[in-house]
PDBML (XML) file of the C-alpha atoms, coordinates in Angstrom:
<?xml version="1.0" encoding="UTF-8" ?>
<PDBx:datablock datablockName="MODEL"
   xmlns:PDBx="http://pdbml.pdb.org/schema/pdbx-v50.xsd"
   xmlns:xsi="http://www.w3.org/2001/XMLSchema-instance"
   xsi:schemaLocation="http://pdbml.pdb.org/schema/pdbx-v50.xsd pdbx-v50.xsd">
   <PDBx:atom_siteCategory>
      <PDBx:atom_site id="1">
         <PDBx:B_iso_or_equiv>0.00</PDBx:B_iso_or_equiv>
         <PDBx:Cartn_x>250.545</PDBx:Cartn_x>
         <PDBx:Cartn_y>164.744</PDBx:Cartn_y>
         <PDBx:Cartn_z>64.781</PDBx:Cartn_z>
         <PDBx:auth_asym_id>A</PDBx:auth_asym_id>
         <PDBx:auth_atom_id>CA</PDBx:auth_atom_id>
         <PDBx:auth_comp_id>ASP</PDBx:auth_comp_id>
         <PDBx:auth_seq_id>1</PDBx:auth_seq_id>
         <PDBx:group_PDB>ATOM</PDBx:group_PDB>
         <PDBx:label_alt_id xsi:nil="true" />
         <PDBx:label_asym_id>A</PDBx:label_asym_id>
         <PDBx:label_atom_id>CA</PDBx:label_atom_id>
         <PDBx:label_comp_id>ASP</PDBx:label_comp_id>
         <PDBx:label_entity_id>1</PDBx:label_entity_id>
         <PDBx:label_seq_id>1</PDBx:label_seq_id>
         <PDBx:occupancy>1.00</PDBx:occupancy>
         <PDBx:pdbx_PDB_model_num>1</PDBx:pdbx_PDB_model_num>
         <PDBx:type_symbol>C</PDBx:type_symbol>
      </PDBx:atom_site>
      <PDBx:atom_site id="2">
         <PDBx:B_iso_or_equiv>0.00</PDBx:B_iso_or_equiv>
         <PDBx:Cartn_x>247.948</PDBx:Cartn_x>
         <PDBx:Cartn_y>165.471</PDBx:Cartn_y>
         <PDBx:Cartn_z>61.693</PDBx:Cartn_z>
         <PDBx:auth_asym_id>A</PDBx:auth_asym_id>
         <PDBx:auth_atom_id>CA</PDBx:auth_atom_id>
         <PDBx:auth_comp_id>LEU</PDBx:auth_comp_id>
         <PDBx:auth_seq_id>2</PDBx:auth_seq_id>
         <PDBx:group_PDB>ATOM</PDBx:group_PDB>
         <PDBx:label_alt_id xsi:nil="true" />
         <PDBx:label_asym_id>A</PDBx:label_asym_id>
         <PDBx:label_atom_id>CA</PDBx:label_atom_id>
         <PDBx:label_comp_id>LEU</PDBx:label_comp_id>
         <PDBx:label_entity_id>1</PDBx:label_entity_id>
         <PDBx:label_seq_id>2</PDBx:label_seq_id>
         <PDBx:occupancy>1.00</PDBx:occupancy>
         <PDBx:pdbx_PDB_model_num>1</PDBx:pdbx_PDB_model_num>
         <PDBx:type_symbol>C</PDBx:type_symbol>
      </PDBx:atom_site>
      <PDBx:atom_site id="3">
         <PDBx:B_iso_or_equiv>0.00</PDBx:B_iso_or_equiv>
         <PDBx:Cartn_x>251.020</PDBx:Cartn_x>
         <PDBx:Cartn_y>166.202</PDBx:Cartn_y>
         <PDBx:Cartn_z>58.846</PDBx:Cartn_z>
         <PDBx:auth_asym_id>A</PDBx:auth_asym_id>
         <PDBx:auth_atom_id>CA</PDBx:auth_atom_id>
         <PDBx:auth_comp_id>ARG</PDBx:auth_comp_id>
         <PDBx:auth_seq_id>3</PDBx:auth_seq_id>
         <PDBx:group_PDB>ATOM</PDBx:group_PDB>
         <PDBx:label_alt_id xsi:nil="true" />
         <PDBx:label_asym_id>A</PDBx:label_asym_id>
         <PDBx:label_atom_id>CA</PDBx:label_atom_id>
         <PDBx:label_comp_id>ARG</PDBx:label_comp_id>
         <PDBx:label_entity_id>1</PDBx:label_entity_id>
         <PDBx:label_seq_id>3</PDBx:label_seq_id>
         <PDBx:occupancy>1.00</PDBx:occupancy>
         <PDBx:pdbx_PDB_model_num>1</PDBx:pdbx_PDB_model_num>
         <PDBx:type_symbol>C</PDBx:type_symbol>
      </PDBx:atom_site>
      <PDBx:atom_site id="4">
         <PDBx:B_iso_or_equiv>0.00</PDBx:B_iso_or_equiv>
         <PDBx:Cartn_x>251.879</PDBx:Cartn_x>
         <PDBx:Cartn_y>162.236</PDBx:Cartn_y>
         <PDBx:Cartn_z>60.072</PDBx:Cartn_z>
         <PDBx:auth_asym_id>A</PDBx:auth_asym_id>
         <PDBx:auth_atom_id>CA</PDBx:auth_atom_id>
         <PDBx:auth_comp_id>HIS</PDBx:auth_comp_id>
         <PDBx:auth_seq_id>4</PDBx:auth_seq_id>
         <PDBx:group_PDB>ATOM</PDBx:group_PDB>
         <PDBx:label_alt_id xsi:nil="true" />
         <PDBx:label_asym_id>A</PDBx:label_asym_id>
         <PDBx:label_atom_id>CA</PDBx:label_atom_id>
         <PDBx:label_comp_id>HIS</PDBx:label_comp_id>
         <PDBx:label_entity_id>1</PDBx:label_entity_id>
         <PDBx:label_seq_id>4</PDBx:label_seq_id>
         <PDBx:occupancy>1.00</PDBx:occupancy>
         <PDBx:pdbx_PDB_model_num>1</PDBx:pdbx_PDB_model_num>
         <PDBx:type_symbol>C</PDBx:type_symbol>
      </PDBx:atom_site>
      <PDBx:atom_site id="5">
         <PDBx:B_iso_or_equiv>0.00</PDBx:B_iso_or_equiv>
         <PDBx:Cartn_x>248.598</PDBx:Cartn_x>
         <PDBx:Cartn_y>160.902</PDBx:Cartn_y>
         <PDBx:Cartn_z>60.107</PDBx:Cartn_z>
         <PDBx:auth_asym_id>A</PDBx:auth_asym_id>
         <PDBx:auth_atom_id>CA</PDBx:auth_atom_id>
         <PDBx:auth_comp_id>PHE</PDBx:auth_comp_id>
         <PDBx:auth_seq_id>5</PDBx:auth_seq_id>
         <PDBx:group_PDB>ATOM</PDBx:group_PDB>
         <PDBx:label_alt_id xsi:nil="true" />
         <PDBx:label_asym_id>A</PDBx:label_asym_id>
         <PDBx:label_atom_id>CA</PDBx:label_atom_id>
         <PDBx:label_comp_id>PHE</PDBx:label_comp_id>
         <PDBx:label_entity_id>1</PDBx:label_entity_id>
         <PDBx:label_seq_id>5</PDBx:label_seq_id>
         <PDBx:occupancy>1.00</PDBx:occupancy>
         <PDBx:pdbx_PDB_model_num>1</PDBx:pdbx_PDB_model_num>
         <PDBx:type_symbol>C</PDBx:type_symbol>
      </PDBx:atom_site>
      <PDBx:atom_site id="6">
         <PDBx:B_iso_or_equiv>0.00</PDBx:B_iso_or_equiv>
         <PDBx:Cartn_x>247.673</PDBx:Cartn_x>
         <PDBx:Cartn_y>162.379</PDBx:Cartn_y>
         <PDBx:Cartn_z>56.667</PDBx:Cartn_z>
         <PDBx:auth_asym_id>A</PDBx:auth_asym_id>
         <PDBx:auth_atom_id>CA</PDBx:auth_atom_id>
         <PDBx:auth_comp_id>MET</PDBx:auth_comp_id>
         <PDBx:auth_seq_id>6</PDBx:auth_seq_id>
         <PDBx:group_PDB>ATOM</PDBx:group_PDB>
         <PDBx:label_alt_id xsi:nil="true" />
         <PDBx:label_asym_id>A</PDBx:label_asym_id>
         <PDBx:label_atom_id>CA</PDBx:label_atom_id>
         <PDBx:label_comp_id>MET</PDBx:label_comp_id>
         <PDBx:label_entity_id>1</PDBx:label_entity_id>
         <PDBx:label_seq_id>6</PDBx:label_seq_id>
         <PDBx:occupancy>1.00</PDBx:occupancy>
         <PDBx:pdbx_PDB_model_num>1</PDBx:pdbx_PDB_model_num>
         <PDBx:type_symbol>C</PDBx:type_symbol>
      </PDBx:atom_site>
      <PDBx:atom_site id="7">
         <PDBx:B_iso_or_equiv>0.00</PDBx:B_iso_or_equiv>
         <PDBx:Cartn_x>251.233</PDBx:Cartn_x>
         <PDBx:Cartn_y>160.859</PDBx:Cartn_y>
         <PDBx:Cartn_z>55.400</PDBx:Cartn_z>
         <PDBx:auth_asym_id>A</PDBx:auth_asym_id>
         <PDBx:auth_atom_id>CA</PDBx:auth_atom_id>
         <PDBx:auth_comp_id>PHE</PDBx:auth_comp_id>
         <PDBx:auth_seq_id>7</PDBx:auth_seq_id>
         <PDBx:group_PDB>ATOM</PDBx:group_PDB>
         <PDBx:label_alt_id xsi:nil="true" />
         <PDBx:label_asym_id>A</PDBx:label_asym_id>
         <PDBx:label_atom_id>CA</PDBx:label_atom_id>
         <PDBx:label_comp_id>PHE</PDBx:label_comp_id>
         <PDBx:label_entity_id>1</PDBx:label_entity_id>
         <PDBx:label_seq_id>7</PDBx:label_seq_id>
         <PDBx:occupancy>1.00</PDBx:occupancy>
         <PDBx:pdbx_PDB_model_num>1</PDBx:pdbx_PDB_model_num>
         <PDBx:type_symbol>C</PDBx:type_symbol>
      </PDBx:atom_site>
      <PDBx:atom_site id="8">
         <PDBx:B_iso_or_equiv>0.00</PDBx:B_iso_or_equiv>
         <PDBx:Cartn_x>250.440</PDBx:Cartn_x>
         <PDBx:Cartn_y>157.421</PDBx:Cartn_y>
         <PDBx:Cartn_z>56.877</PDBx:Cartn_z>
         <PDBx:auth_asym_id>A</PDBx:auth_asym_id>
         <PDBx:auth_atom_id>CA</PDBx:auth_atom_id>
         <PDBx:auth_comp_id>HIS</PDBx:auth_comp_id>
         <PDBx:auth_seq_id>8</PDBx:auth_seq_id>
         <PDBx:group_PDB>ATOM</PDBx:group_PDB>
         <PDBx:label_alt_id xsi:nil="true" />
         <PDBx:label_asym_id>A</PDBx:label_asym_id>
         <PDBx:label_atom_id>CA</PDBx:label_atom_id>
         <PDBx:label_comp_id>HIS</PDBx:label_comp_id>
         <PDBx:label_entity_id>1</PDBx:label_entity_id>
         <PDBx:label_seq_id>8</PDBx:label_seq_id>
         <PDBx:occupancy>1.00</PDBx:occupancy>
         <PDBx:pdbx_PDB_model_num>1</PDBx:pdbx_PDB_model_num>
         <PDBx:type_symbol>C</PDBx:type_symbol>
      </PDBx:atom_site>
      <PDBx:atom_site id="9">
         <PDBx:B_iso_or_equiv>0.00</PDBx:B_iso_or_equiv>
         <PDBx:Cartn_x>246.810</PDBx:Cartn_x>
         <PDBx:Cartn_y>157.636</PDBx:Cartn_y>
         <PDBx:Cartn_z>55.170</PDBx:Cartn_z>
         <PDBx:auth_asym_id>A</PDBx:auth_asym_id>
         <PDBx:auth_atom_id>CA</PDBx:auth_atom_id>
         <PDBx:auth_comp_id>LYS</PDBx:auth_comp_id>
         <PDBx:auth_seq_id>9</PDBx:auth_seq_id>
         <PDBx:group_PDB>ATOM</PDBx:group_PDB>
         <PDBx:label_alt_id xsi:nil="true" />
         <PDBx:label_asym_id>A</PDBx:label_asym_id>
         <PDBx:label_atom_id>CA</PDBx:label_atom_id>
         <PDBx:label_comp_id>LYS</PDBx:label_comp_id>
         <PDBx:label_entity_id>1</PDBx:label_entity_id>
         <PDBx:label_seq_id>9</PDBx:label_seq_id>
         <PDBx:occupancy>1.00</PDBx:occupancy>
         <PDBx:pdbx_PDB_model_num>1</PDBx:pdbx_PDB_model_num>
         <PDBx:type_symbol>C</PDBx:type_symbol>
      </PDBx:atom_site>
      <PDBx:atom_site id="10">
         <PDBx:B_iso_or_equiv>0.00</PDBx:B_iso_or_equiv>
         <PDBx:Cartn_x>247.827</PDBx:Cartn_x>
         <PDBx:Cartn_y>158.753</PDBx:Cartn_y>
         <PDBx:Cartn_z>51.374</PDBx:Cartn_z>
         <PDBx:auth_asym_id>A</PDBx:auth_asym_id>
         <PDBx:auth_atom_id>CA</PDBx:auth_atom_id>
         <PDBx:auth_comp_id>LEU</PDBx:auth_comp_id>
         <PDBx:auth_seq_id>10</PDBx:auth_seq_id>
         <PDBx:group_PDB>ATOM</PDBx:group_PDB>
         <PDBx:label_alt_id xsi:nil="true" />
         <PDBx:label_asym_id>A</PDBx:label_asym_id>
         <PDBx:label_atom_id>CA</PDBx:label_atom_id>
         <PDBx:label_comp_id>LEU</PDBx:label_comp_id>
         <PDBx:label_entity_id>1</PDBx:label_entity_id>
         <PDBx:label_seq_id>10</PDBx:label_seq_id>
         <PDBx:occupancy>1.00</PDBx:occupancy>
         <PDBx:pdbx_PDB_model_num>1</PDBx:pdbx_PDB_model_num>
         <PDBx:type_symbol>C</PDBx:type_symbol>
      </PDBx:atom_site>
      <PDBx:atom_site id="11">
         <PDBx:B_iso_or_equiv>0.00</PDBx:B_iso_or_equiv>
         <PDBx:Cartn_x>251.140</PDBx:Cartn_x>
         <PDBx:Cartn_y>157.064</PDBx:Cartn_y>
         <PDBx:Cartn_z>51.422</PDBx:Cartn_z>
         <PDBx:auth_asym_id>A</PDBx:auth_asym_id>
         <PDBx:auth_atom_id>CA</PDBx:auth_atom_id>
         <PDBx:auth_comp_id>SER</PDBx:auth_comp_id>
         <PDBx:auth_seq_id>11</PDBx:auth_seq_id>
         <PDBx:group_PDB>ATOM</PDBx:group_PDB>
         <PDBx:label_alt_id xsi:nil="true" />
         <PDBx:label_asym_id>A</PDBx:label_asym_id>
         <PDBx:label_atom_id>CA</PDBx:label_atom_id>
         <PDBx:label_comp_id>SER</PDBx:label_comp_id>
         <PDBx:label_entity_id>1</PDBx:label_entity_id>
         <PDBx:label_seq_id>11</PDBx:label_seq_id>
         <PDBx:occupancy>1.00</PDBx:occupancy>
         <PDBx:pdbx_PDB_model_num>1</PDBx:pdbx_PDB_model_num>
         <PDBx:type_symbol>C</PDBx:type_symbol>
      </PDBx:atom_site>
      <PDBx:atom_site id="12">
         <PDBx:B_iso_or_equiv>0.00</PDBx:B_iso_or_equiv>
         <PDBx:Cartn_x>249.569</PDBx:Cartn_x>
         <PDBx:Cartn_y>154.043</PDBx:Cartn_y>
         <PDBx:Cartn_z>50.226</PDBx:Cartn_z>
         <PDBx:auth_asym_id>A</PDBx:auth_asym_id>
         <PDBx:auth_atom_id>CA</PDBx:auth_atom_id>
         <PDBx:auth_comp_id>GLY</PDBx:auth_comp_id>
         <PDBx:auth_seq_id>12</PDBx:auth_seq_id>
         <PDBx:group_PDB>ATOM</PDBx:group_PDB>
         <PDBx:label_alt_id xsi:nil="true" />
         <PDBx:label_asym_id>A</PDBx:label_asym_id>
         <PDBx:label_atom_id>CA</PDBx:label_atom_id>
         <PDBx:label_comp_id>GLY</PDBx:label_comp_id>
         <PDBx:label_entity_id>1</PDBx:label_entity_id>
         <PDBx:label_seq_id>12</PDBx:label_seq_id>
         <PDBx:occupancy>1.00</PDBx:occupancy>
         <PDBx:pdbx_PDB_model_num>1</PDBx:pdbx_PDB_model_num>
         <PDBx:type_symbol>C</PDBx:type_symbol>
      </PDBx:atom_site>
      <PDBx:atom_site id="13">
         <PDBx:B_iso_or_equiv>0.00</PDBx:B_iso_or_equiv>
         <PDBx:Cartn_x>248.239</PDBx:Cartn_x>
         <PDBx:Cartn_y>155.956</PDBx:Cartn_y>
         <PDBx:Cartn_z>46.932</PDBx:Cartn_z>
         <PDBx:auth_asym_id>A</PDBx:auth_asym_id>
         <PDBx:auth_atom_id>CA</PDBx:auth_atom_id>
         <PDBx:auth_comp_id>GLU</PDBx:auth_comp_id>
         <PDBx:auth_seq_id>13</PDBx:auth_seq_id>
         <PDBx:group_PDB>ATOM</PDBx:group_PDB>
         <PDBx:label_alt_id xsi:nil="true" />
         <PDBx:label_asym_id>A</PDBx:label_asym_id>
         <PDBx:label_atom_id>CA</PDBx:label_atom_id>
         <PDBx:label_comp_id>GLU</PDBx:label_comp_id>
         <PDBx:label_entity_id>1</PDBx:label_entity_id>
         <PDBx:label_seq_id>13</PDBx:label_seq_id>
         <PDBx:occupancy>1.00</PDBx:occupancy>
         <PDBx:pdbx_PDB_model_num>1</PDBx:pdbx_PDB_model_num>
         <PDBx:type_symbol>C</PDBx:type_symbol>
      </PDBx:atom_site>
      <PDBx:atom_site id="14">
         <PDBx:B_iso_or_equiv>0.00</PDBx:B_iso_or_equiv>
         <PDBx:Cartn_x>250.294</PDBx:Cartn_x>
         <PDBx:Cartn_y>158.581</PDBx:Cartn_y>
         <PDBx:Cartn_z>46.794</PDBx:Cartn_z>
         <PDBx:auth_asym_id>A</PDBx:auth_asym_id>
         <PDBx:auth_atom_id>CA</PDBx:auth_atom_id>
         <PDBx:auth_comp_id>PHE</PDBx:auth_comp_id>
         <PDBx:auth_seq_id>14</PDBx:auth_seq_id>
         <PDBx:group_PDB>ATOM</PDBx:group_PDB>
         <PDBx:label_alt_id xsi:nil="true" />
         <PDBx:label_asym_id>A</PDBx:label_asym_id>
         <PDBx:label_atom_id>CA</PDBx:label_atom_id>
         <PDBx:label_comp_id>PHE</PDBx:label_comp_id>
         <PDBx:label_entity_id>1</PDBx:label_entity_id>
         <PDBx:label_seq_id>14</PDBx:label_seq_id>
         <PDBx:occupancy>1.00</PDBx:occupancy>
         <PDBx:pdbx_PDB_model_num>1</PDBx:pdbx_PDB_model_num>
         <PDBx:type_symbol>C</PDBx:type_symbol>
      </PDBx:atom_site>
      <PDBx:atom_site id="15">
         <PDBx:B_iso_or_equiv>0.00</PDBx:B_iso_or_equiv>
         <PDBx:Cartn_x>254.191</PDBx:Cartn_x>
         <PDBx:Cartn_y>159.543</PDBx:Cartn_y>
         <PDBx:Cartn_z>46.986</PDBx:Cartn_z>
         <PDBx:auth_asym_id>A</PDBx:auth_asym_id>
         <PDBx:auth_atom_id>CA</PDBx:auth_atom_id>
         <PDBx:auth_comp_id>GLU</PDBx:auth_comp_id>
         <PDBx:auth_seq_id>15</PDBx:auth_seq_id>
         <PDBx:group_PDB>ATOM</PDBx:group_PDB>
         <PDBx:label_alt_id xsi:nil="true" />
         <PDBx:label_asym_id>A</PDBx:label_asym_id>
         <PDBx:label_atom_id>CA</PDBx:label_atom_id>
         <PDBx:label_comp_id>GLU</PDBx:label_comp_id>
         <PDBx:label_entity_id>1</PDBx:label_entity_id>
         <PDBx:label_seq_id>15</PDBx:label_seq_id>
         <PDBx:occupancy>1.00</PDBx:occupancy>
         <PDBx:pdbx_PDB_model_num>1</PDBx:pdbx_PDB_model_num>
         <PDBx:type_symbol>C</PDBx:type_symbol>
      </PDBx:atom_site>
      <PDBx:atom_site id="16">
         <PDBx:B_iso_or_equiv>0.00</PDBx:B_iso_or_equiv>
         <PDBx:Cartn_x>253.698</PDBx:Cartn_x>
         <PDBx:Cartn_y>161.746</PDBx:Cartn_y>
         <PDBx:Cartn_z>49.557</PDBx:Cartn_z>
         <PDBx:auth_asym_id>A</PDBx:auth_asym_id>
         <PDBx:auth_atom_id>CA</PDBx:auth_atom_id>
         <PDBx:auth_comp_id>VAL</PDBx:auth_comp_id>
         <PDBx:auth_seq_id>16</PDBx:auth_seq_id>
         <PDBx:group_PDB>ATOM</PDBx:group_PDB>
         <PDBx:label_alt_id xsi:nil="true" />
         <PDBx:label_asym_id>A</PDBx:label_asym_id>
         <PDBx:label_atom_id>CA</PDBx:label_atom_id>
         <PDBx:label_comp_id>VAL</PDBx:label_comp_id>
         <PDBx:label_entity_id>1</PDBx:label_entity_id>
         <PDBx:label_seq_id>16</PDBx:label_seq_id>
         <PDBx:occupancy>1.00</PDBx:occupancy>
         <PDBx:pdbx_PDB_model_num>1</PDBx:pdbx_PDB_model_num>
         <PDBx:type_symbol>C</PDBx:type_symbol>
      </PDBx:atom_site>
      <PDBx:atom_site id="17">
         <PDBx:B_iso_or_equiv>0.00</PDBx:B_iso_or_equiv>
         <PDBx:Cartn_x>256.220</PDBx:Cartn_x>
         <PDBx:Cartn_y>164.359</PDBx:Cartn_y>
         <PDBx:Cartn_z>50.797</PDBx:Cartn_z>
         <PDBx:auth_asym_id>A</PDBx:auth_asym_id>
         <PDBx:auth_atom_id>CA</PDBx:auth_atom_id>
         <PDBx:auth_comp_id>SER</PDBx:auth_comp_id>
         <PDBx:auth_seq_id>17</PDBx:auth_seq_id>
         <PDBx:group_PDB>ATOM</PDBx:group_PDB>
         <PDBx:label_alt_id xsi:nil="true" />
         <PDBx:label_asym_id>A</PDBx:label_asym_id>
         <PDBx:label_atom_id>CA</PDBx:label_atom_id>
         <PDBx:label_comp_id>SER</PDBx:label_comp_id>
         <PDBx:label_entity_id>1</PDBx:label_entity_id>
         <PDBx:label_seq_id>17</PDBx:label_seq_id>
         <PDBx:occupancy>1.00</PDBx:occupancy>
         <PDBx:pdbx_PDB_model_num>1</PDBx:pdbx_PDB_model_num>
         <PDBx:type_symbol>C</PDBx:type_symbol>
      </PDBx:atom_site>
      <PDBx:atom_site id="18">
         <PDBx:B_iso_or_equiv>0.00</PDBx:B_iso_or_equiv>
         <PDBx:Cartn_x>255.779</PDBx:Cartn_x>
         <PDBx:Cartn_y>166.691</PDBx:Cartn_y>
         <PDBx:Cartn_z>53.815</PDBx:Cartn_z>
         <PDBx:auth_asym_id>A</PDBx:auth_asym_id>
         <PDBx:auth_atom_id>CA</PDBx:auth_atom_id>
         <PDBx:auth_comp_id>GLU</PDBx:auth_comp_id>
         <PDBx:auth_seq_id>18</PDBx:auth_seq_id>
         <PDBx:group_PDB>ATOM</PDBx:group_PDB>
         <PDBx:label_alt_id xsi:nil="true" />
         <PDBx:label_asym_id>A</PDBx:label_asym_id>
         <PDBx:label_atom_id>CA</PDBx:label_atom_id>
         <PDBx:label_comp_id>GLU</PDBx:label_comp_id>
         <PDBx:label_entity_id>1</PDBx:label_entity_id>
         <PDBx:label_seq_id>18</PDBx:label_seq_id>
         <PDBx:occupancy>1.00</PDBx:occupancy>
         <PDBx:pdbx_PDB_model_num>1</PDBx:pdbx_PDB_model_num>
         <PDBx:type_symbol>C</PDBx:type_symbol>
      </PDBx:atom_site>
      <PDBx:atom_site id="19">
         <PDBx:B_iso_or_equiv>0.00</PDBx:B_iso_or_equiv>
         <PDBx:Cartn_x>256.307</PDBx:Cartn_x>
         <PDBx:Cartn_y>170.676</PDBx:Cartn_y>
         <PDBx:Cartn_z>54.739</PDBx:Cartn_z>
         <PDBx:auth_asym_id>A</PDBx:auth_asym_id>
         <PDBx:auth_atom_id>CA</PDBx:auth_atom_id>
         <PDBx:auth_comp_id>ALA</PDBx:auth_comp_id>
         <PDBx:auth_seq_id>19</PDBx:auth_seq_id>
         <PDBx:group_PDB>ATOM</PDBx:group_PDB>
         <PDBx:label_alt_id xsi:nil="true" />
         <PDBx:label_asym_id>A</PDBx:label_asym_id>
         <PDBx:label_atom_id>CA</PDBx:label_atom_id>
         <PDBx:label_comp_id>ALA</PDBx:label_comp_id>
         <PDBx:label_entity_id>1</PDBx:label_entity_id>
         <PDBx:label_seq_id>19</PDBx:label_seq_id>
         <PDBx:occupancy>1.00</PDBx:occupancy>
         <PDBx:pdbx_PDB_model_num>1</PDBx:pdbx_PDB_model_num>
         <PDBx:type_symbol>C</PDBx:type_symbol>
      </PDBx:atom_site>
      <PDBx:atom_site id="20">
         <PDBx:B_iso_or_equiv>0.00</PDBx:B_iso_or_equiv>
         <PDBx:Cartn_x>255.813</PDBx:Cartn_x>
         <PDBx:Cartn_y>172.170</PDBx:Cartn_y>
         <PDBx:Cartn_z>57.853</PDBx:Cartn_z>
         <PDBx:auth_asym_id>A</PDBx:auth_asym_id>
         <PDBx:auth_atom_id>CA</PDBx:auth_atom_id>
         <PDBx:auth_comp_id>CYS</PDBx:auth_comp_id>
         <PDBx:auth_seq_id>20</PDBx:auth_seq_id>
         <PDBx:group_PDB>ATOM</PDBx:group_PDB>
         <PDBx:label_alt_id xsi:nil="true" />
         <PDBx:label_asym_id>A</PDBx:label_asym_id>
         <PDBx:label_atom_id>CA</PDBx:label_atom_id>
         <PDBx:label_comp_id>CYS</PDBx:label_comp_id>
         <PDBx:label_entity_id>1</PDBx:label_entity_id>
         <PDBx:label_seq_id>20</PDBx:label_seq_id>
         <PDBx:occupancy>1.00</PDBx:occupancy>
         <PDBx:pdbx_PDB_model_num>1</PDBx:pdbx_PDB_model_num>
         <PDBx:type_symbol>C</PDBx:type_symbol>
      </PDBx:atom_site>
      <PDBx:atom_site id="21">
         <PDBx:B_iso_or_equiv>0.00</PDBx:B_iso_or_equiv>
         <PDBx:Cartn_x>254.789</PDBx:Cartn_x>
         <PDBx:Cartn_y>175.543</PDBx:Cartn_y>
         <PDBx:Cartn_z>56.915</PDBx:Cartn_z>
         <PDBx:auth_asym_id>A</PDBx:auth_asym_id>
         <PDBx:auth_atom_id>CA</PDBx:auth_atom_id>
         <PDBx:auth_comp_id>ASP</PDBx:auth_comp_id>
         <PDBx:auth_seq_id>21</PDBx:auth_seq_id>
         <PDBx:group_PDB>ATOM</PDBx:group_PDB>
         <PDBx:label_alt_id xsi:nil="true" />
         <PDBx:label_asym_id>A</PDBx:label_asym_id>
         <PDBx:label_atom_id>CA</PDBx:label_atom_id>
         <PDBx:label_comp_id>ASP</PDBx:label_comp_id>
         <PDBx:label_entity_id>1</PDBx:label_entity_id>
         <PDBx:label_seq_id>21</PDBx:label_seq_id>
         <PDBx:occupancy>1.00</PDBx:occupancy>
         <PDBx:pdbx_PDB_model_num>1</PDBx:pdbx_PDB_model_num>
         <PDBx:type_symbol>C</PDBx:type_symbol>
      </PDBx:atom_site>
      <PDBx:atom_site id="22">
         <PDBx:B_iso_or_equiv>0.00</PDBx:B_iso_or_equiv>
         <PDBx:Cartn_x>253.947</PDBx:Cartn_x>
         <PDBx:Cartn_y>177.504</PDBx:Cartn_y>
         <PDBx:Cartn_z>53.509</PDBx:Cartn_z>
         <PDBx:auth_asym_id>A</PDBx:auth_asym_id>
         <PDBx:auth_atom_id>CA</PDBx:auth_atom_id>
         <PDBx:auth_comp_id>GLY</PDBx:auth_comp_id>
         <PDBx:auth_seq_id>22</PDBx:auth_seq_id>
         <PDBx:group_PDB>ATOM</PDBx:group_PDB>
         <PDBx:label_alt_id xsi:nil="true" />
         <PDBx:label_asym_id>A</PDBx:label_asym_id>
         <PDBx:label_atom_id>CA</PDBx:label_atom_id>
         <PDBx:label_comp_id>GLY</PDBx:label_comp_id>
         <PDBx:label_entity_id>1</PDBx:label_entity_id>
         <PDBx:label_seq_id>22</PDBx:label_seq_id>
         <PDBx:occupancy>1.00</PDBx:occupancy>
         <PDBx:pdbx_PDB_model_num>1</PDBx:pdbx_PDB_model_num>
         <PDBx:type_symbol>C</PDBx:type_symbol>
      </PDBx:atom_site>
      <PDBx:atom_site id="23">
         <PDBx:B_iso_or_equiv>0.00</PDBx:B_iso_or_equiv>
         <PDBx:Cartn_x>257.414</PDBx:Cartn_x>
         <PDBx:Cartn_y>178.796</PDBx:Cartn_y>
         <PDBx:Cartn_z>53.600</PDBx:Cartn_z>
         <PDBx:auth_asym_id>A</PDBx:auth_asym_id>
         <PDBx:auth_atom_id>CA</PDBx:auth_atom_id>
         <PDBx:auth_comp_id>LYS</PDBx:auth_comp_id>
         <PDBx:auth_seq_id>23</PDBx:auth_seq_id>
         <PDBx:group_PDB>ATOM</PDBx:group_PDB>
         <PDBx:label_alt_id xsi:nil="true" />
         <PDBx:label_asym_id>A</PDBx:label_asym_id>
         <PDBx:label_atom_id>CA</PDBx:label_atom_id>
         <PDBx:label_comp_id>LYS</PDBx:label_comp_id>
         <PDBx:label_entity_id>1</PDBx:label_entity_id>
         <PDBx:label_seq_id>23</PDBx:label_seq_id>
         <PDBx:occupancy>1.00</PDBx:occupancy>
         <PDBx:pdbx_PDB_model_num>1</PDBx:pdbx_PDB_model_num>
         <PDBx:type_symbol>C</PDBx:type_symbol>
      </PDBx:atom_site>
      <PDBx:atom_site id="24">
         <PDBx:B_iso_or_equiv>0.00</PDBx:B_iso_or_equiv>
         <PDBx:Cartn_x>259.523</PDBx:Cartn_x>
         <PDBx:Cartn_y>175.384</PDBx:Cartn_y>
         <PDBx:Cartn_z>53.174</PDBx:Cartn_z>
         <PDBx:auth_asym_id>A</PDBx:auth_asym_id>
         <PDBx:auth_atom_id>CA</PDBx:auth_atom_id>
         <PDBx:auth_comp_id>GLN</PDBx:auth_comp_id>
         <PDBx:auth_seq_id>24</PDBx:auth_seq_id>
         <PDBx:group_PDB>ATOM</PDBx:group_PDB>
         <PDBx:label_alt_id xsi:nil="true" />
         <PDBx:label_asym_id>A</PDBx:label_asym_id>
         <PDBx:label_atom_id>CA</PDBx:label_atom_id>
         <PDBx:label_comp_id>GLN</PDBx:label_comp_id>
         <PDBx:label_entity_id>1</PDBx:label_entity_id>
         <PDBx:label_seq_id>24</PDBx:label_seq_id>
         <PDBx:occupancy>1.00</PDBx:occupancy>
         <PDBx:pdbx_PDB_model_num>1</PDBx:pdbx_PDB_model_num>
         <PDBx:type_symbol>C</PDBx:type_symbol>
      </PDBx:atom_site>
      <PDBx:atom_site id="25">
         <PDBx:B_iso_or_equiv>0.00</PDBx:B_iso_or_equiv>
         <PDBx:Cartn_x>256.587</PDBx:Cartn_x>
         <PDBx:Cartn_y>174.247</PDBx:Cartn_y>
         <PDBx:Cartn_z>51.148</PDBx:Cartn_z>
         <PDBx:auth_asym_id>A</PDBx:auth_asym_id>
         <PDBx:auth_atom_id>CA</PDBx:auth_atom_id>
         <PDBx:auth_comp_id>ALA</PDBx:auth_comp_id>
         <PDBx:auth_seq_id>25</PDBx:auth_seq_id>
         <PDBx:group_PDB>ATOM</PDBx:group_PDB>
         <PDBx:label_alt_id xsi:nil="true" />
         <PDBx:label_asym_id>A</PDBx:label_asym_id>
         <PDBx:label_atom_id>CA</PDBx:label_atom_id>
         <PDBx:label_comp_id>ALA</PDBx:label_comp_id>
         <PDBx:label_entity_id>1</PDBx:label_entity_id>
         <PDBx:label_seq_id>25</PDBx:label_seq_id>
         <PDBx:occupancy>1.00</PDBx:occupancy>
         <PDBx:pdbx_PDB_model_num>1</PDBx:pdbx_PDB_model_num>
         <PDBx:type_symbol>C</PDBx:type_symbol>
      </PDBx:atom_site>
   </PDBx:atom_siteCategory>
</PDBx:datablock>
């Protein structure tokens, strides 16, 4: 939920991608 919220808030200004943990990141 927090990751999707941050994605929504930041994607207007940045090209945003997501990862669920440090290993995937």
